[in-house]
C-alpha cells in the first residue's frame, strides 16, 4: 500500500487530468460550428492518430519499460511456492 501523501498526490493528478481533458474537449467542441463536418472530425482523427504514434514510439523505444518496469510481485512468488 502506498503512503498517504502519495495517494493524495495521485488523487490530485487524477482530478488535474479530468480538468485538462474537459478543457481540451470544450475547446474542440467550440470549433464545431466554425469548421465543416469533415474538418471537425478529421481534426479529432488526427489527434487520435498523433497520440497513437506517440504511444507506439514510446513502446518501441523501450522508454515505457524503463519508466515503469514490469514487476510480477508477490503473486508469482506464491505460485512458485505452490500456494
PDB file of N, CA and C in Angstrom:
ATOM      1  N   UNK A   1       0.843  -1.169   0.000  1.00  0.00           N
ATOM      2  CA  UNK A   1       0.000   0.000   0.000  1.00  0.00           C
ATOM      3  C   UNK A   1       0.895   1.240   0.000  1.00  0.00           C
ATOM      4  N   UNK A   2       0.532   2.192  -0.804  1.00  0.00           N
ATOM      5  CA  UNK A   2       1.321   3.429  -0.911  1.00  0.00           C
ATOM      6  C   UNK A   2       1.081   4.322   0.309  1.00  0.00           C
ATOM      7  N   UNK A   3       2.076   5.141   0.660  1.00  0.00           N
ATOM      8  CA  UNK A   3       1.884   6.093   1.764  1.00  0.00           C
ATOM      9  C   UNK A   3       0.767   7.097   1.442  1.00  0.00           C
ATOM     10  N   UNK A   4       0.145   7.632   2.474  1.00  0.00           N
ATOM     11  CA  UNK A   4      -0.986   8.551   2.288  1.00  0.00           C
ATOM     12  C   UNK A   4      -0.633   9.773   1.449  1.00  0.00           C
ATOM     13  N   UNK A   5       0.563  10.387   1.611  1.00  0.00           N
ATOM     14  CA  UNK A   5       0.882  11.540   0.749  1.00  0.00           C
ATOM     15  C   UNK A   5       0.918  11.176  -0.742  1.00  0.00           C
ATOM     16  N   UNK A   6       1.373   9.968  -1.053  1.00  0.00           N
ATOM     17  CA  UNK A   6       1.413   9.542  -2.458  1.00  0.00           C
ATOM     18  C   UNK A   6      -0.006   9.340  -2.964  1.00  0.00           C
ATOM     19  N   UNK A   7      -0.860   8.731  -2.157  1.00  0.00           N
ATOM     20  CA  UNK A   7      -2.262   8.555  -2.552  1.00  0.00           C
ATOM     21  C   UNK A   7      -2.928   9.898  -2.795  1.00  0.00           C
ATOM     22  N   UNK A   8      -2.680  10.866  -1.902  1.00  0.00           N
ATOM     23  CA  UNK A   8      -3.267  12.192  -2.069  1.00  0.00           C
ATOM     24  C   UNK A   8      -2.766  12.858  -3.346  1.00  0.00           C
ATOM     25  N   UNK A   9      -1.485  12.689  -3.654  1.00  0.00           N
ATOM     26  CA  UNK A   9      -0.938  13.273  -4.870  1.00  0.00           C
ATOM     27  C   UNK A   9      -1.586  12.641  -6.101  1.00  0.00           C
ATOM     28  N   UNK A  10      -1.794  11.330  -6.081  1.00  0.00           N
ATOM     29  CA  UNK A  10      -2.390  10.659  -7.227  1.00  0.00           C
ATOM     30  C   UNK A  10      -3.849  11.076  -7.423  1.00  0.00           C
ATOM     31  N   UNK A  11      -4.559  11.348  -6.343  1.00  0.00           N
ATOM     32  CA  UNK A  11      -5.924  11.865  -6.473  1.00  0.00           C
ATOM     33  C   UNK A  11      -5.881  13.242  -7.129  1.00  0.00           C
ATOM     34  N   UNK A  12      -4.912  14.070  -6.743  1.00  0.00           N
ATOM     35  CA  UNK A  12      -4.746  15.377  -7.372  1.00  0.00           C
ATOM     36  C   UNK A  12      -4.420  15.264  -8.846  1.00  0.00           C
ATOM     37  N   UNK A  13      -3.539  14.334  -9.204  1.00  0.00           N
ATOM     38  CA  UNK A  13      -3.190  14.109 -10.616  1.00  0.00           C
ATOM     39  C   UNK A  13      -4.421  13.644 -11.388  1.00  0.00           C
ATOM     40  N   UNK A  14      -5.211  12.792 -10.768  1.00  0.00           N
ATOM     41  CA  UNK A  14      -6.448  12.298 -11.390  1.00  0.00           C
ATOM     42  C   UNK A  14      -7.379  13.468 -11.725  1.00  0.00           C
ATOM     43  N   UNK A  15      -7.607  14.354 -10.757  1.00  0.00           N
ATOM     44  CA  UNK A  15      -8.507  15.476 -10.993  1.00  0.00           C
ATOM     45  C   UNK A  15      -7.921  16.482 -11.979  1.00  0.00           C
ATOM     46  N   UNK A  16      -6.611  16.661 -11.978  1.00  0.00           N
ATOM     47  CA  UNK A  16      -5.995  17.547 -12.976  1.00  0.00           C
ATOM     48  C   UNK A  16      -6.147  16.977 -14.385  1.00  0.00           C
ATOM     49  N   UNK A  17      -6.055  15.666 -14.517  1.00  0.00           N
ATOM     50  CA  UNK A  17      -6.222  15.062 -15.839  1.00  0.00           C
ATOM     51  C   UNK A  17      -7.662  15.201 -16.323  1.00  0.00           C
ATOM     52  N   UNK A  18      -8.626  15.075 -15.406  1.00  0.00           N
ATOM     53  CA  UNK A  18     -10.024  15.295 -15.785  1.00  0.00           C
ATOM     54  C   UNK A  18     -10.227  16.742 -16.223  1.00  0.00           C
ATOM     55  N   UNK A  19      -9.634  17.674 -15.483  1.00  0.00           N
ATOM     56  CA  UNK A  19      -9.739  19.093 -15.839  1.00  0.00           C
ATOM     57  C   UNK A  19      -9.153  19.349 -17.223  1.00  0.00           C
ATOM     58  N   UNK A  20      -7.955  18.818 -17.469  1.00  0.00           N
ATOM     59  CA  UNK A  20      -7.302  19.038 -18.764  1.00  0.00           C
ATOM     60  C   UNK A  20      -8.113  18.425 -19.899  1.00  0.00           C
ATOM     61  N   UNK A  21      -8.627  17.220 -19.693  1.00  0.00           N
ATOM     62  CA  UNK A  21      -9.443  16.575 -20.719  1.00  0.00           C
ATOM     63  C   UNK A  21     -10.716  17.341 -21.014  1.00  0.00           C
ATOM     64  N   UNK A  22     -11.345  17.844 -19.971  1.00  0.00           N
ATOM     65  CA  UNK A  22     -12.573  18.624 -20.156  1.00  0.00           C
ATOM     66  C   UNK A  22     -12.285  19.949 -20.858  1.00  0.00           C
ATOM     67  N   UNK A  23     -11.174  20.563 -20.518  1.00  0.00           N
ATOM     68  CA  UNK A  23     -10.796  21.823 -21.161  1.00  0.00           C
ATOM     69  C   UNK A  23     -10.534  21.614 -22.654  1.00  0.00           C
ATOM     70  N   UNK A  24      -9.784  20.584 -22.983  1.00  0.00           N
ATOM     71  CA  UNK A  24      -9.490  20.291 -24.390  1.00  0.00           C
ATOM     72  C   UNK A  24     -10.767  19.923 -25.136  1.00  0.00           C
ATOM     73  N   UNK A  25     -11.606  19.120 -24.513  1.00  0.00           N
ATOM     74  CA  UNK A  25     -12.867  18.724 -25.143  1.00  0.00           C
ATOM     75  C   UNK A  25     -13.758  19.933 -25.398  1.00  0.00           C
ATOM     76  N   UNK A  26     -13.802  20.857 -24.457  1.00  0.00           N
ATOM     77  CA  UNK A  26     -14.593  22.069 -24.644  1.00  0.00           C
ATOM     78  C   UNK A  26     -14.062  22.939 -25.766  1.00  0.00           C
ATOM     79  N   UNK A  27     -12.744  23.059 -25.837  1.00  0.00           N
ATOM     80  CA  UNK A  27     -12.145  23.859 -26.924  1.00  0.00           C
ATOM     81  C   UNK A  27     -12.444  23.229 -28.287  1.00  0.00           C
ATOM     82  N   UNK A  28     -12.321  21.905 -28.365  1.00  0.00           N
ATOM     83  CA  UNK A  28     -12.623  21.235 -29.631  1.00  0.00           C
ATOM     84  C   UNK A  28     -14.104  21.358 -29.978  1.00  0.00           C
ATOM     85  N   UNK A  29     -14.958  21.230 -28.971  1.00  0.00           N
ATOM     86  CA  UNK A  29     -16.394  21.369 -29.211  1.00  0.00           C
ATOM     87  C   UNK A  29     -16.759  22.761 -29.700  1.00  0.00           C
ATOM     88  N   UNK A  30     -15.998  23.762 -29.274  1.00  0.00           N
ATOM     89  CA  UNK A  30     -16.245  25.129 -29.728  1.00  0.00           C
ATOM     90  C   UNK A  30     -15.965  25.334 -31.201  1.00  0.00           C
ATOM     91  N   UNK A  31     -15.214  24.431 -31.791  1.00  0.00           N
ATOM     92  CA  UNK A  31     -14.905  24.525 -33.224  1.00  0.00           C
ATOM     93  C   UNK A  31     -15.982  23.904 -34.105  1.00  0.00           C
ATOM     94  N   UNK A  32     -16.991  23.282 -33.489  1.00  0.00           N
ATOM     95  CA  UNK A  32     -18.000  22.544 -34.247  1.00  0.00           C
ATOM     96  C   UNK A  32     -18.735  23.414 -35.271  1.00  0.00           C
ATOM     97  N   UNK A  33     -19.095  24.615 -34.883  1.00  0.00           N
ATOM     98  CA  UNK A  33     -19.857  25.474 -35.787  1.00  0.00           C
ATOM     99  C   UNK A  33     -18.980  26.185 -36.808  1.00  0.00           C
ATOM    100  N   UNK A  34     -17.693  26.367 -36.499  1.00  0.00           N
ATOM    101  CA  UNK A  34     -16.840  27.118 -37.424  1.00  0.00           C
ATOM    102  C   UNK A  34     -16.141  26.238 -38.449  1.00  0.00           C
ATOM    103  N   UNK A  35     -16.099  24.937 -38.239  1.00  0.00           N
ATOM    104  CA  UNK A  35     -15.447  24.025 -39.187  1.00  0.00           C
ATOM    105  C   UNK A  35     -16.501  23.205 -39.917  1.00  0.00           C
ATOM    106  N   UNK A  36     -16.130  22.735 -41.090  1.00  0.00           N
ATOM    107  CA  UNK A  36     -17.018  21.804 -41.792  1.00  0.00           C
ATOM    108  C   UNK A  36     -17.001  20.474 -41.036  1.00  0.00           C
ATOM    109  N   UNK A  37     -18.036  19.655 -41.208  1.00  0.00           N
ATOM    110  CA  UNK A  37     -18.043  18.365 -40.507  1.00  0.00           C
ATOM    111  C   UNK A  37     -16.810  17.503 -40.819  1.00  0.00           C
ATOM    112  N   UNK A  38     -16.383  17.534 -42.067  1.00  0.00           N
ATOM    113  CA  UNK A  38     -15.205  16.750 -42.439  1.00  0.00           C
ATOM    114  C   UNK A  38     -13.961  17.254 -41.720  1.00  0.00           C
ATOM    115  N   UNK A  39     -13.775  18.558 -41.659  1.00  0.00           N
ATOM    116  CA  UNK A  39     -12.610  19.120 -40.987  1.00  0.00           C
ATOM    117  C   UNK A  39     -12.686  18.882 -39.478  1.00  0.00           C
ATOM    118  N   UNK A  40     -13.888  18.997 -38.900  1.00  0.00           N
ATOM    119  CA  UNK A  40     -14.064  18.813 -37.463  1.00  0.00           C
ATOM    120  C   UNK A  40     -13.694  17.393 -37.051  1.00  0.00           C
ATOM    121  N   UNK A  41     -14.255  16.410 -37.739  1.00  0.00           N
ATOM    122  CA  UNK A  41     -13.963  15.018 -37.376  1.00  0.00           C
ATOM    123  C   UNK A  41     -12.582  14.602 -37.841  1.00  0.00           C
ATOM    124  N   UNK A  42     -12.081  15.230 -38.897  1.00  0.00           N
ATOM    125  CA  UNK A  42     -10.705  14.972 -39.321  1.00  0.00           C
ATOM    126  C   UNK A  42      -9.708  15.446 -38.276  1.00  0.00           C
ATOM    127  N   UNK A  43     -10.014  16.562 -37.627  1.00  0.00           N
ATOM    128  CA  UNK A  43      -9.167  17.057 -36.546  1.00  0.00           C
ATOM    129  C   UNK A  43      -9.135  16.062 -35.394  1.00  0.00           C
ATOM    130  N   UNK A  44     -10.289  15.515 -35.040  1.00  0.00           N
ATOM    131  CA  UNK A  44     -10.336  14.507 -33.985  1.00  0.00           C
ATOM    132  C   UNK A  44      -9.526  13.270 -34.379  1.00  0.00           C
ATOM    133  N   UNK A  45      -9.687  12.834 -35.621  1.00  0.00           N
ATOM    134  CA  UNK A  45      -8.944  11.660 -36.088  1.00  0.00           C
ATOM    135  C   UNK A  45      -7.440  11.922 -36.070  1.00  0.00           C
ATOM    136  N   UNK A  46      -7.035  13.134 -36.428  1.00  0.00           N
ATOM    137  CA  UNK A  46      -5.606  13.480 -36.425  1.00  0.00           C
ATOM    138  C   UNK A  46      -5.046  13.490 -35.005  1.00  0.00           C
ATOM    139  N   UNK A  47      -5.828  13.970 -34.046  1.00  0.00           N
ATOM    140  CA  UNK A  47      -5.375  13.978 -32.652  1.00  0.00           C
ATOM    141  C   UNK A  47      -5.201  12.553 -32.151  1.00  0.00           C
ATOM    142  N   UNK A  48      -6.175  11.690 -32.436  1.00  0.00           N
ATOM    143  CA  UNK A  48      -6.089  10.293 -32.002  1.00  0.00           C
ATOM    144  C   UNK A  48      -4.920   9.594 -32.693  1.00  0.00           C
ATOM    145  N   UNK A  49      -4.739   9.832 -33.980  1.00  0.00           N
ATOM    146  CA  UNK A  49      -3.624   9.214 -34.703  1.00  0.00           C
ATOM    147  C   UNK A  49      -2.287   9.701 -34.153  1.00  0.00           C
ATOM    148  N   UNK A  50      -2.187  10.987 -33.833  1.00  0.00           N
ATOM    149  CA  UNK A  50      -0.958  11.520 -33.251  1.00  0.00           C
ATOM    150  C   UNK A  50      -0.640  10.879 -31.914  1.00  0.00           C
ATOM    151  N   UNK A  51      -1.663  10.707 -31.080  1.00  0.00           N
ATOM    152  CA  UNK A  51      -1.452  10.044 -29.787  1.00  0.00           C
ATOM    153  C   UNK A  51      -1.022   8.598 -29.996  1.00  0.00           C
ATOM    154  N   UNK A  52      -1.612   7.928 -30.978  1.00  0.00           N
ATOM    155  CA  UNK A  52      -1.220   6.553 -31.276  1.00  0.00           C
ATOM    156  C   UNK A  52       0.229   6.454 -31.709  1.00  0.00           C
ATOM    157  N   UNK A  53       0.674   7.397 -32.528  1.00  0.00           N
ATOM    158  CA  UNK A  53       2.075   7.414 -32.970  1.00  0.00           C
ATOM    159  C   UNK A  53       3.009   7.642 -31.780  1.00  0.00           C
ATOM    160  N   UNK A  54       2.623   8.555 -30.888  1.00  0.00           N
ATOM    161  CA  UNK A  54       3.452   8.818 -29.708  1.00  0.00           C
ATOM    162  C   UNK A  54       3.546   7.576 -28.827  1.00  0.00           C
ATOM    163  N   UNK A  55       2.402   6.930 -28.552  1.00  0.00           N
ATOM    164  CA  UNK A  55       2.422   5.732 -27.706  1.00  0.00           C
ATOM    165  C   UNK A  55       3.182   4.595 -28.366  1.00  0.00           C
ATOM    166  N   UNK A  56       3.025   4.423 -29.672  1.00  0.00           N
ATOM    167  CA  UNK A  56       3.768   3.373 -30.372  1.00  0.00           C
ATOM    168  C   UNK A  56       5.267   3.659 -30.330  1.00  0.00           C
ATOM    169  N   UNK A  57       5.630   4.919 -30.506  1.00  0.00           N
ATOM    170  CA  UNK A  57       7.044   5.284 -30.429  1.00  0.00           C
ATOM    171  C   UNK A  57       7.619   5.032 -29.052  1.00  0.00           C
ATOM    172  N   UNK A  58       6.863   5.339 -28.007  1.00  0.00           N
ATOM    173  CA  UNK A  58       7.329   5.067 -26.644  1.00  0.00           C
ATOM    174  C   UNK A  58       7.476   3.575 -26.399  1.00  0.00           C
ATOM    175  N   UNK A  59       6.529   2.798 -26.903  1.00  0.00           N
ATOM    176  CA  UNK A  59       6.597   1.348 -26.716  1.00  0.00           C
ATOM    177  C   UNK A  59       7.783   0.750 -27.460  1.00  0.00           C
ATOM    178  N   UNK A  60       8.010   1.213 -28.670  1.00  0.00           N
ATOM    179  CA  UNK A  60       9.117   0.668 -29.460  1.00  0.00           C
ATOM    180  C   UNK A  60      10.479   1.125 -28.948  1.00  0.00           C
ATOM    181  N   UNK A  61      10.539   2.304 -28.340  1.00  0.00           N
ATOM    182  CA  UNK A  61      11.820   2.801 -27.839  1.00  0.00           C
ATOM    183  C   UNK A  61      12.210   2.142 -26.523  1.00  0.00           C
ATOM    184  N   UNK A  62      11.272   1.505 -25.860  1.00  0.00           N
ATOM    185  CA  UNK A  62      11.561   0.880 -24.587  1.00  0.00           C
ATOM    186  C   UNK A  62      11.492   1.837 -23.420  1.00  0.00           C
ATOM    187  N   UNK A  63      11.100   3.075 -23.670  1.00  0.00           N
ATOM    188  CA  UNK A  63      11.027   4.062 -22.595  1.00  0.00           C
ATOM    189  C   UNK A  63       9.993   3.659 -21.547  1.00  0.00           C
ATOM    190  N   UNK A  64       8.881   3.121 -21.991  1.00  0.00           N
ATOM    191  CA  UNK A  64       7.837   2.725 -21.047  1.00  0.00           C
ATOM    192  C   UNK A  64       8.358   1.670 -20.083  1.00  0.00           C
ATOM    193  N   UNK A  65       9.166   0.744 -20.551  1.00  0.00           N
ATOM    194  CA  UNK A  65       9.725  -0.300 -19.685  1.00  0.00           C
ATOM    195  C   UNK A  65      10.720   0.280 -18.696  1.00  0.00           C
ATOM    196  N   UNK A  66      11.466   1.291 -19.115  1.00  0.00           N
ATOM    197  CA  UNK A  66      12.428   1.911 -18.194  1.00  0.00           C
ATOM    198  C   UNK A  66      11.734   2.758 -17.138  1.00  0.00           C
ATOM    199  N   UNK A  67      10.622   3.384 -17.495  1.00  0.00           N
ATOM    200  CA  UNK A  67       9.909   4.231 -16.551  1.00  0.00           C
ATOM    201  C   UNK A  67       9.105   3.393 -15.567  1.00  0.00           C
ATOM    202  N   UNK A  68       8.404   2.388 -16.067  1.00  0.00           N
ATOM    203  CA  UNK A  68       7.570   1.534 -15.215  1.00  0.00           C
ATOM    204  C   UNK A  68       7.850   0.073 -15.540  1.00  0.00           C
ATOM    205  N   UNK A  69       8.933  -0.482 -15.002  1.00  0.00           N
ATOM    206  CA  UNK A  69       9.268  -1.880 -15.323  1.00  0.00           C
ATOM    207  C   UNK A  69       8.205  -2.832 -14.788  1.00  0.00           C
ATOM    208  N   UNK A  70       8.024  -3.925 -15.501  1.00  0.00           N
ATOM    209  CA  UNK A  70       7.065  -4.918 -15.043  1.00  0.00           C
ATOM    210  C   UNK A  70       7.595  -5.569 -13.780  1.00  0.00           C
ATOM    211  N   UNK A  71       6.716  -5.700 -12.814  1.00  0.00           N
ATOM    212  CA  UNK A  71       7.071  -6.353 -11.572  1.00  0.00           C
ATOM    213  C   UNK A  71       6.028  -7.417 -11.327  1.00  0.00           C
ATOM    214  N   UNK A  72       6.453  -8.660 -11.353  1.00  0.00           N
ATOM    215  CA  UNK A  72       5.498  -9.738 -11.162  1.00  0.00           C
ATOM    216  C   UNK A  72       4.994  -9.776  -9.725  1.00  0.00           C
ATOM    217  N   UNK A  73       5.758  -9.226  -8.820  1.00  0.00           N
ATOM    218  CA  UNK A  73       5.326  -9.068  -7.443  1.00  0.00           C
ATOM    219  C   UNK A  73       5.134 -10.369  -6.704  1.00  0.00           C
ATOM    220  N   UNK A  74       4.437 -10.299  -5.592  1.00  0.00           N
ATOM    221  CA  UNK A  74       4.281 -11.470  -4.741  1.00  0.00           C
ATOM    222  C   UNK A  74       3.348 -12.522  -5.319  1.00  0.00           C
ATOM    223  N   UNK A  75       2.522 -12.179  -6.313  1.00  0.00           N
ATOM    224  CA  UNK A  75       1.590 -13.161  -6.857  1.00  0.00           C
ATOM    225  C   UNK A  75       2.334 -14.345  -7.456  1.00  0.00           C
ATOM    226  N   UNK A  76       3.377 -14.085  -8.235  1.00  0.00           N
ATOM    227  CA  UNK A  76       4.145 -15.179  -8.810  1.00  0.00           C
ATOM    228  C   UNK A  76       4.949 -15.907  -7.753  1.00  0.00           C
ATOM    229  N   UNK A  77       5.358 -15.195  -6.713  1.00  0.00           N
ATOM    230  CA  UNK A  77       6.100 -15.834  -5.640  1.00  0.00           C
ATOM    231  C   UNK A  77       5.225 -16.888  -4.975  1.00  0.00           C
ATOM    232  N   UNK A  78       3.957 -16.581  -4.775  1.00  0.00           N
ATOM    233  CA  UNK A  78       3.037 -17.545  -4.179  1.00  0.00           C
ATOM    234  C   UNK A  78       2.820 -18.724  -5.106  1.00  0.00           C
ATOM    235  N   UNK A  79       2.723 -18.465  -6.410  1.00  0.00           N
ATOM    236  CA  UNK A  79       2.551 -19.545  -7.373  1.00  0.00           C
ATOM    237  C   UNK A  79       3.783 -20.448  -7.397  1.00  0.00           C
ATOM    238  N   UNK A  80       4.954 -19.854  -7.289  1.00  0.00           N
ATOM    239  CA  UNK A  80       6.187 -20.645  -7.309  1.00  0.00           C
ATOM    240  C   UNK A  80       6.290 -21.557  -6.089  1.00  0.00           C
ATOM    241  N   UNK A  81       5.720 -21.113  -4.968  1.00  0.00           N
ATOM    242  CA  UNK A  81       5.761 -21.930  -3.765  1.00  0.00           C
ATOM    243  C   UNK A  81       4.635 -22.936  -3.708  1.00  0.00           C
ATOM    244  N   UNK A  82       3.760 -22.916  -4.701  1.00  0.00           N
ATOM    245  CA  UNK A  82       2.669 -23.890  -4.748  1.00  0.00           C
ATOM    246  C   UNK A  82       1.510 -23.550  -3.844  1.00  0.00           C
ATOM    247  N   UNK A  83       1.360 -22.281  -3.510  1.00  0.00           N
ATOM    248  CA  UNK A  83       0.255 -21.870  -2.631  1.00  0.00           C
ATOM    249  C   UNK A  83      -0.955 -21.557  -3.456  1.00  0.00           C
TER     250      UNK A  83
END
